[in-house]
Amino acid sequence: MGKKILFVDDEVQILKAFKRLFMDTDYEITVAESGLEALNILENQEVDLIVSDMRMPNMTGYELLSIVKNRFPDIVRIILSGFAEERIILDSLQKNIAKIYILKPWENNIFIETIDNIFKVEDMLKDNINVLKLVKSADELPTIKESYQKIIDEIECNAEIYEIVEAIESDNSIAIKILHVINSSHYGVKTGSIKRAVAYLGLDNIKNIVISSAFIDSLGFDSKGKEKLKMLWKQSFIANRIVSFIYNEFLNKKIPETEMNAGLLSNIGMAFMMYHFQDKYSEIIDEVKNHHTAIVELEKKCFGTNHQEIGGYLLRWWDIPFPIVESAIYHHEPFHENVINKQIVYVVHIAGKYAWDILKETSLMDLDEKVFLELGIDKDIFEKRLGEVAELNGLFDE
């Protein structure tokens, strides 16, 4: 018997439709007409994935999936919803209450393909022996220290601005990093005020800085490693700015809140490998530069895994939204058949490549130019506009 999926919806016809849809698949289907019935099933049966409607009487899908996340964290959670619930969908994804959402009405083939792909990604992250072996061989996994976690919690709980400012000011190291960012020429602001920095940067950017700082601080590189760490830190910030630039200038929309960290966190796995296996990883970097071998191929050859998979594992362990996890796993392979959130993966692929090029590390990432076609972006116009904005606004300053 294959994976077991639990569908939850108060409309019986919808549940019947799911049973028909998955009749010829290897999945075992169970259904529930309410959140309470679903929880009773979960208490008594092994379930791999739950798909829940958002609008249900007595217990909403949001409430149900929140409980499932706390009590059954290994169960993959998916939202089934309509367009009218955009805000609650976004909140669910941002807090990782759900991995993804599927809108009604759905296309049958795409629905099944999405379920297939999310299981492939989850299985790769949970059961990849080489990833687990490499992570376990490290002295310890990076963690978010208490003061940093407090800032993240305050932001996610929609705390008052003064409370967030106080949490930042209580940790001098993160306060300095935030002031360093706001005082860069990119923002054109000169201030020593955390309150003003928060107002200019916005809470999502503040959260980005805290998460990436938490990871990097936890590594504590030696003097030699600090230069490489600084390069990665700068590449991450440049990539994140390019991601925003692409959304604003070429896709003509605001980047979704659930994807705002994607460029910043895409190379977390590289930082981890560089720290824990410094000598061996330095040899890989040299080999890539000297012979222009694909870095993910060399990593696989040497470690049995690569920085994409390691990054995905760490971000999943940190409970980071799934689109960001997926961007880390596939930013070198944007057309991998398992990709679900295609647009952000394409954008991060472009951003990562051009960020490395700006740092004169052109061999560390190859560009698949088909992503420009998929996004409807003219590559030459993009490069020209990127150069103009960088020159005028100091887009890539530290």
Protein backbone atom coordinates (compact mmCIF):
# COMPACT_ATOMS: atom_id res chain seq x y z
CA MET A 1 0.00 0.00 0.00
CA GLY A 2 1.23 3.50 -0.86
CA LYS A 3 1.14 6.73 1.09
CA LYS A 4 -2.04 7.54 2.99
CA ILE A 5 -3.79 10.86 2.33
CA LEU A 6 -6.56 12.31 4.48
CA PHE A 7 -8.98 14.72 2.78
CA VAL A 8 -11.08 16.97 5.01
CA ASP A 9 -14.09 18.90 3.70
CA ASP A 10 -17.62 19.46 4.98
CA GLU A 11 -18.98 18.98 1.43
CA VAL A 12 -19.56 15.28 0.83
CA GLN A 13 -19.50 15.70 -2.96
CA ILE A 14 -15.99 17.14 -2.77
CA LEU A 15 -14.82 14.13 -0.77
CA LYS A 16 -16.41 11.78 -3.31
CA ALA A 17 -14.60 13.64 -6.08
CA PHE A 18 -11.27 13.07 -4.34
CA LYS A 19 -11.95 9.36 -3.98
CA ARG A 20 -12.70 9.12 -7.71
CA LEU A 21 -9.66 11.21 -8.62
CA PHE A 22 -7.20 9.01 -6.72
CA MET A 23 -8.93 5.69 -7.44
CA ASP A 24 -6.32 4.54 -9.95
CA THR A 25 -3.28 5.78 -8.02
CA ASP A 26 -1.17 3.98 -5.43
CA TYR A 27 -2.36 6.31 -2.67
CA GLU A 28 -4.65 5.15 0.11
CA ILE A 29 -7.44 7.70 0.57
CA THR A 30 -9.28 8.47 3.81
CA VAL A 31 -11.87 11.23 4.21
CA ALA A 32 -13.36 13.27 7.04
CA GLU A 33 -16.29 15.71 7.04
CA SER A 34 -15.02 17.84 9.92
CA GLY A 35 -11.90 18.87 11.78
CA LEU A 36 -12.93 16.84 14.81
CA GLU A 37 -13.41 13.69 12.73
CA ALA A 38 -10.04 14.29 11.09
CA LEU A 39 -8.26 14.56 14.45
CA ASN A 40 -9.91 11.34 15.59
CA ILE A 41 -8.60 9.58 12.47
CA LEU A 42 -5.11 10.96 13.04
CA GLU A 43 -5.13 9.68 16.62
CA ASN A 44 -5.86 6.15 15.44
CA GLN A 45 -4.29 5.82 11.99
CA GLU A 46 -0.98 6.52 10.28
CA VAL A 47 -1.43 9.36 7.78
CA ASP A 48 1.28 10.82 5.53
CA LEU A 49 -0.49 13.89 4.16
CA ILE A 50 -3.61 15.89 4.98
CA VAL A 51 -5.52 18.14 2.58
CA SER A 52 -8.05 20.37 4.32
CA ASP A 53 -10.62 22.86 3.13
CA MET A 54 -10.36 26.23 4.88
CA ARG A 55 -14.03 27.07 5.37
CA MET A 56 -15.69 24.50 7.59
CA PRO A 57 -18.14 24.92 10.49
CA ASN A 58 -17.04 24.50 14.14
CA MET A 59 -13.34 24.07 13.31
CA THR A 60 -11.79 25.87 10.35
CA GLY A 61 -9.10 24.34 8.20
CA TYR A 62 -6.63 26.85 9.61
CA GLU A 63 -7.41 25.71 13.15
CA LEU A 64 -7.23 22.05 12.14
CA LEU A 65 -3.89 22.33 10.36
CA SER A 66 -2.45 24.36 13.25
CA ILE A 67 -3.32 21.50 15.61
CA VAL A 68 -1.92 18.94 13.17
CA LYS A 69 1.34 20.88 12.92
CA ASN A 70 1.76 20.85 16.71
CA ARG A 71 0.58 17.30 17.42
CA PHE A 72 1.61 15.48 14.23
CA PRO A 73 4.49 17.54 12.79
CA ASP A 74 5.65 14.85 10.34
CA ILE A 75 2.35 14.89 8.45
CA VAL A 76 2.53 17.02 5.30
CA ARG A 77 -0.19 19.70 5.33
CA ILE A 78 -1.93 21.19 2.27
CA ILE A 79 -4.67 23.83 2.06
CA LEU A 80 -7.67 23.46 -0.23
CA SER A 81 -9.26 26.85 -0.69
CA GLY A 82 -11.01 29.50 -2.76
CA PHE A 83 -9.75 32.90 -3.87
CA ALA A 84 -11.68 34.74 -1.14
CA GLU A 85 -9.37 33.40 1.58
CA GLU A 86 -6.14 34.90 0.27
CA ARG A 87 -5.06 36.51 3.56
CA ILE A 88 -5.50 33.38 5.67
CA ILE A 89 -3.79 31.27 2.99
CA LEU A 90 -0.79 33.59 3.06
CA ASP A 91 -0.67 33.49 6.85
CA SER A 92 -0.82 29.67 6.79
CA LEU A 93 2.07 29.42 4.35
CA GLN A 94 4.16 32.03 6.15
CA LYS A 95 3.82 30.19 9.48
CA ASN A 96 4.33 26.84 7.72
CA ILE A 97 0.95 25.64 8.91
CA ALA A 98 0.65 24.36 5.35
CA LYS A 99 3.31 23.54 2.75
CA ILE A 100 1.30 24.68 -0.25
CA TYR A 101 -2.27 25.54 -1.22
CA ILE A 102 -4.48 24.22 -4.01
CA LEU A 103 -7.31 26.39 -5.30
CA LYS A 104 -10.83 25.27 -6.10
CA PRO A 105 -11.66 24.30 -8.77
CA TRP A 106 -8.55 22.26 -9.43
CA GLU A 107 -7.19 20.53 -12.52
CA ASN A 108 -7.03 16.79 -11.84
CA ASN A 109 -3.67 16.07 -13.49
CA ILE A 110 -1.98 19.05 -11.83
CA PHE A 111 -3.47 18.08 -8.46
CA ILE A 112 -2.06 14.55 -8.63
CA GLU A 113 1.28 15.79 -9.97
CA THR A 114 1.54 18.28 -7.09
CA ILE A 115 0.90 15.54 -4.53
CA ASP A 116 3.48 13.30 -6.24
CA ASN A 117 6.12 16.04 -6.27
CA ILE A 118 5.66 17.13 -2.68
CA PHE A 119 6.07 13.52 -1.53
CA LYS A 120 9.26 13.20 -3.60
CA VAL A 121 10.72 16.31 -1.98
CA GLU A 122 9.67 15.27 1.53
CA ASP A 123 11.08 11.77 1.07
CA MET A 124 14.34 13.19 -0.24
CA LEU A 125 14.69 15.46 2.79
CA LYS A 126 13.65 12.88 5.38
CA ASP A 127 15.08 9.67 3.98
CA ASN A 128 18.16 10.71 1.99
CA ILE A 129 20.84 8.60 3.67
CA ASN A 130 23.71 10.72 2.36
CA VAL A 131 22.15 13.95 3.64
CA LEU A 132 21.47 12.43 7.05
CA LYS A 133 24.97 10.96 7.22
CA LEU A 134 26.62 14.27 6.37
CA VAL A 135 24.50 16.28 8.78
CA LYS A 136 25.05 13.80 11.59
CA SER A 137 28.82 13.88 11.00
CA ALA A 138 28.82 17.60 11.84
CA ASP A 139 29.53 18.55 15.44
CA GLU A 140 26.12 20.16 15.83
CA LEU A 141 23.31 21.63 13.77
CA PRO A 142 23.08 25.43 13.62
CA THR A 143 20.38 26.82 15.88
CA ILE A 144 18.65 30.17 16.28
CA LYS A 145 19.72 31.67 19.59
CA GLU A 146 17.05 32.76 22.04
CA SER A 147 17.31 36.52 21.46
CA TYR A 148 17.04 36.06 17.68
CA GLN A 149 14.11 33.68 18.04
CA LYS A 150 12.33 36.24 20.21
CA ILE A 151 12.54 38.81 17.41
CA ILE A 152 11.19 36.30 14.87
CA ASP A 153 8.35 35.32 17.21
CA GLU A 154 7.42 38.96 17.84
CA ILE A 155 7.23 39.61 14.09
CA GLU A 156 5.21 36.47 13.34
CA CYS A 157 2.78 37.20 16.19
CA ASN A 158 2.16 40.73 14.87
CA ALA A 159 3.52 42.33 18.04
CA GLU A 160 3.56 46.10 18.47
CA ILE A 161 6.44 47.86 16.70
CA TYR A 162 7.88 49.09 19.99
CA GLU A 163 8.06 45.49 21.27
CA ILE A 164 9.93 44.38 18.15
CA VAL A 165 12.30 47.35 18.44
CA GLU A 166 12.97 46.50 22.10
CA ALA A 167 13.71 42.87 21.19
CA ILE A 168 16.21 44.00 18.53
CA GLU A 169 17.87 46.53 20.82
CA SER A 170 18.35 43.86 23.48
CA ASP A 171 20.86 42.06 21.20
CA ASN A 172 23.68 44.33 20.13
CA SER A 173 24.98 42.03 17.36
CA ILE A 174 21.72 41.93 15.39
CA ALA A 175 21.09 45.63 16.01
CA ILE A 176 24.47 46.43 14.43
CA LYS A 177 23.72 44.23 11.39
CA ILE A 178 20.36 45.93 10.83
CA LEU A 179 21.91 49.40 11.10
CA HIS A 180 24.67 48.30 8.71
CA VAL A 181 22.06 47.32 6.13
CA ILE A 182 19.90 50.45 6.47
CA ASN A 183 22.96 52.72 6.23
CA SER A 184 24.13 51.14 2.96
CA SER A 185 23.85 53.29 -0.15
CA HIS A 186 21.07 51.02 -1.44
CA TYR A 187 18.61 52.58 1.02
CA GLY A 188 20.04 56.09 1.09
CA VAL A 189 19.34 56.44 4.82
CA LYS A 190 21.74 57.50 7.54
CA THR A 191 20.46 56.64 10.98
CA GLY A 192 21.44 55.10 14.28
CA SER A 193 17.81 54.47 15.23
CA ILE A 194 16.50 50.90 15.22
CA LYS A 195 12.94 52.24 15.17
CA ARG A 196 13.66 54.19 12.00
CA ALA A 197 15.47 51.20 10.48
CA VAL A 198 12.43 48.99 11.10
CA ALA A 199 10.17 51.61 9.52
CA TYR A 200 12.31 51.81 6.38
CA LEU A 201 13.19 48.13 5.98
CA GLY A 202 9.83 46.64 6.92
CA LEU A 203 9.24 43.63 9.14
CA ASP A 204 9.79 41.04 6.40
CA ASN A 205 13.25 42.41 5.63
CA ILE A 206 14.05 42.54 9.34
CA LYS A 207 13.06 38.88 9.63
CA ASN A 208 15.27 38.05 6.62
CA ILE A 209 18.27 39.66 8.28
CA VAL A 210 17.63 37.92 11.61
CA ILE A 211 17.27 34.44 10.07
CA SER A 212 20.39 34.68 7.93
CA SER A 213 22.36 36.27 10.78
CA ALA A 214 21.28 33.49 13.12
CA PHE A 215 22.64 30.85 10.79
CA ILE A 216 25.91 32.60 10.05
CA ASP A 217 26.52 33.49 13.70
CA SER A 218 26.01 29.87 14.67
CA LEU A 219 28.87 28.75 12.44
CA GLY A 220 31.64 30.84 14.00
CA PHE A 221 34.23 30.47 11.23
CA ASP A 222 37.94 30.72 11.96
CA SER A 223 39.92 33.66 10.57
CA LYS A 224 40.49 31.91 7.24
CA GLY A 225 36.89 30.84 6.93
CA LYS A 226 35.57 34.31 7.72
CA GLU A 227 36.56 35.60 4.29
CA LYS A 228 34.58 32.84 2.61
CA LEU A 229 31.70 33.45 4.98
CA LYS A 230 31.76 37.15 4.13
CA MET A 231 31.61 36.26 0.44
CA LEU A 232 28.60 34.01 1.01
CA TRP A 233 26.88 36.63 3.15
CA LYS A 234 27.34 39.25 0.44
CA GLN A 235 26.23 36.87 -2.33
CA SER A 236 23.08 36.08 -0.36
CA PHE A 237 22.18 39.73 0.13
CA ILE A 238 22.87 40.56 -3.51
CA ALA A 239 20.78 37.59 -4.66
CA ASN A 240 17.92 38.66 -2.43
CA ARG A 241 18.00 42.18 -3.85
CA ILE A 242 18.02 40.82 -7.39
CA VAL A 243 14.99 38.65 -6.56
CA SER A 244 13.09 41.75 -5.42
CA PHE A 245 14.35 43.66 -8.45
CA ILE A 246 13.00 41.00 -10.84
CA TYR A 247 9.58 40.95 -9.18
CA ASN A 248 9.28 44.75 -9.11
CA GLU A 249 10.78 45.60 -12.49
CA PHE A 250 9.89 42.64 -14.70
CA LEU A 251 7.08 40.63 -13.11
CA ASN A 252 5.34 43.84 -12.03
CA LYS A 253 4.18 42.56 -8.69
CA LYS A 254 5.25 42.45 -5.09
CA ILE A 255 7.18 39.36 -4.10
CA PRO A 256 4.95 37.05 -2.02
CA GLU A 257 5.69 37.26 1.68
CA THR A 258 6.30 33.50 1.83
CA GLU A 259 9.15 33.87 -0.66
CA MET A 260 10.91 36.97 0.64
CA ASN A 261 13.80 35.02 2.15
CA ALA A 262 14.38 32.82 -0.89
CA GLY A 263 17.47 34.51 -2.33
CA LEU A 264 18.92 35.15 1.09
CA LEU A 265 18.69 31.52 2.20
CA SER A 266 19.36 29.68 -1.05
CA ASN A 267 23.03 28.95 -0.23
CA ILE A 268 22.61 28.00 3.42
CA GLY A 269 23.72 24.47 2.53
CA MET A 270 26.95 25.77 1.03
CA ALA A 271 27.74 27.72 4.20
CA PHE A 272 27.12 24.59 6.26
CA MET A 273 29.39 22.41 4.11
CA MET A 274 32.07 25.08 3.90
CA TYR A 275 32.18 25.35 7.69
CA HIS A 276 32.06 21.70 8.70
CA PHE A 277 34.29 20.38 5.89
CA GLN A 278 36.52 23.40 5.23
CA ASP A 279 39.57 21.69 3.67
CA LYS A 280 37.63 19.29 1.49
CA TYR A 281 35.19 21.97 0.40
CA SER A 282 38.01 24.37 -0.46
CA GLU A 283 39.34 21.68 -2.81
CA ILE A 284 35.92 21.49 -4.46
CA ILE A 285 35.83 25.27 -4.94
CA ASP A 286 39.32 25.18 -6.49
CA GLU A 287 38.33 22.34 -8.81
CA VAL A 288 35.23 24.24 -9.94
CA LYS A 289 37.25 27.39 -10.65
CA ASN A 290 40.08 25.59 -12.45
CA HIS A 291 38.08 23.15 -14.56
CA HIS A 292 34.60 24.71 -14.60
CA THR A 293 32.98 21.54 -13.30
CA ALA A 294 29.43 21.94 -11.98
CA ILE A 295 29.71 22.43 -8.23
CA VAL A 296 26.67 20.28 -7.39
CA GLU A 297 28.19 17.39 -9.36
CA LEU A 298 31.50 17.64 -7.51
CA GLU A 299 29.72 17.85 -4.16
CA LYS A 300 27.76 14.71 -5.02
CA LYS A 301 30.95 12.93 -6.01
CA CYS A 302 32.75 13.87 -2.80
CA PHE A 303 29.93 13.77 -0.24
CA GLY A 304 27.12 11.78 -1.84
CA THR A 305 24.91 14.88 -1.58
CA ASN A 306 25.13 18.57 -2.44
CA HIS A 307 24.58 21.98 -0.87
CA GLN A 308 21.08 22.22 -2.36
CA GLU A 309 19.88 19.11 -0.52
CA ILE A 310 21.69 20.07 2.69
CA GLY A 311 20.16 23.55 2.52
CA GLY A 312 16.70 22.12 1.98
CA TYR A 313 17.15 19.79 4.94
CA LEU A 314 18.25 22.60 7.26
CA LEU A 315 15.49 24.98 6.18
CA ARG A 316 12.86 22.27 6.62
CA TRP A 317 14.31 21.54 10.06
CA TRP A 318 14.00 25.25 10.85
CA ASP A 319 10.34 25.18 9.73
CA ILE A 320 10.91 27.70 6.92
CA PRO A 321 8.06 28.14 4.34
CA PHE A 322 8.11 25.50 1.61
CA PRO A 323 8.71 27.83 -1.40
CA ILE A 324 11.99 28.91 0.22
CA VAL A 325 12.95 25.29 0.96
CA GLU A 326 12.22 24.39 -2.65
CA SER A 327 14.27 27.33 -3.94
CA ALA A 328 17.26 26.10 -1.93
CA ILE A 329 16.88 22.54 -3.23
CA TYR A 330 16.56 23.44 -6.92
CA HIS A 331 18.27 26.81 -7.48
CA HIS A 332 20.91 25.09 -9.67
CA GLU A 333 18.27 22.88 -11.35
CA PRO A 334 15.27 25.13 -12.03
CA PHE A 335 13.68 22.72 -14.50
CA HIS A 336 13.81 19.67 -12.24
CA GLU A 337 10.62 17.66 -12.68
CA ASN A 338 9.79 17.86 -8.95
CA VAL A 339 9.60 21.66 -8.76
CA ILE A 340 6.18 22.93 -7.64
CA ASN A 341 6.77 26.67 -7.06
CA LYS A 342 8.33 27.23 -10.47
CA GLN A 343 8.35 31.04 -10.62
CA ILE A 344 10.35 31.66 -7.44
CA VAL A 345 12.78 28.84 -8.31
CA TYR A 346 13.38 30.42 -11.75
CA VAL A 347 13.88 33.86 -10.20
CA VAL A 348 16.29 32.59 -7.53
CA HIS A 349 18.25 30.74 -10.22
CA ILE A 350 18.76 34.02 -12.11
CA ALA A 351 19.48 35.99 -8.94
CA GLY A 352 22.02 33.49 -7.66
CA LYS A 353 23.93 33.40 -10.94
CA TYR A 354 24.13 37.17 -11.35
CA ALA A 355 25.06 37.63 -7.68
CA TRP A 356 28.05 35.33 -8.15
CA ASP A 357 28.98 37.12 -11.38
CA ILE A 358 28.95 40.48 -9.59
CA LEU A 359 31.39 39.03 -7.05
CA LYS A 360 33.61 37.79 -9.92
CA GLU A 361 32.91 34.17 -8.98
CA THR A 362 31.44 33.31 -12.36
CA SER A 363 32.27 29.60 -12.26
CA LEU A 364 30.28 28.82 -9.10
CA MET A 365 26.95 28.70 -10.91
CA ASP A 366 25.84 28.11 -14.50
CA LEU A 367 22.82 29.85 -15.99
CA ASP A 368 20.03 28.02 -17.77
CA GLU A 369 18.84 30.82 -20.06
CA LYS A 370 15.47 29.12 -20.63
CA VAL A 371 14.32 30.60 -17.32
CA PHE A 372 14.16 34.02 -18.96
CA LEU A 373 11.81 32.62 -21.61
CA GLU A 374 9.61 30.97 -18.99
CA LEU A 375 9.36 34.24 -17.04
CA GLY A 376 8.76 36.31 -20.16
CA ILE A 377 11.88 38.41 -19.58
CA ASP A 378 14.28 39.60 -22.28
CA LYS A 379 17.76 38.68 -21.03
CA ASP A 380 19.53 41.61 -22.70
CA ILE A 381 17.04 44.14 -21.34
CA PHE A 382 17.32 42.56 -17.89
CA GLU A 383 21.11 42.82 -17.87
CA LYS A 384 21.04 46.42 -19.09
CA ARG A 385 18.44 47.48 -16.54
CA LEU A 386 20.21 45.62 -13.72
CA GLY A 387 23.44 47.45 -14.52
CA GLU A 388 21.69 50.82 -14.59
CA VAL A 389 19.93 50.32 -11.27
CA ALA A 390 23.09 48.99 -9.63
CA GLU A 391 25.08 52.02 -10.75
CA LEU A 392 22.45 54.56 -9.73
CA ASN A 393 21.29 53.07 -6.43
CA GLY A 394 24.22 51.05 -5.14
CA LEU A 395 22.07 47.94 -5.34
CA PHE A 396 24.96 45.65 -4.50
CA ASP A 397 26.69 47.59 -1.74
CA GLU A 398 27.16 45.76 1.53
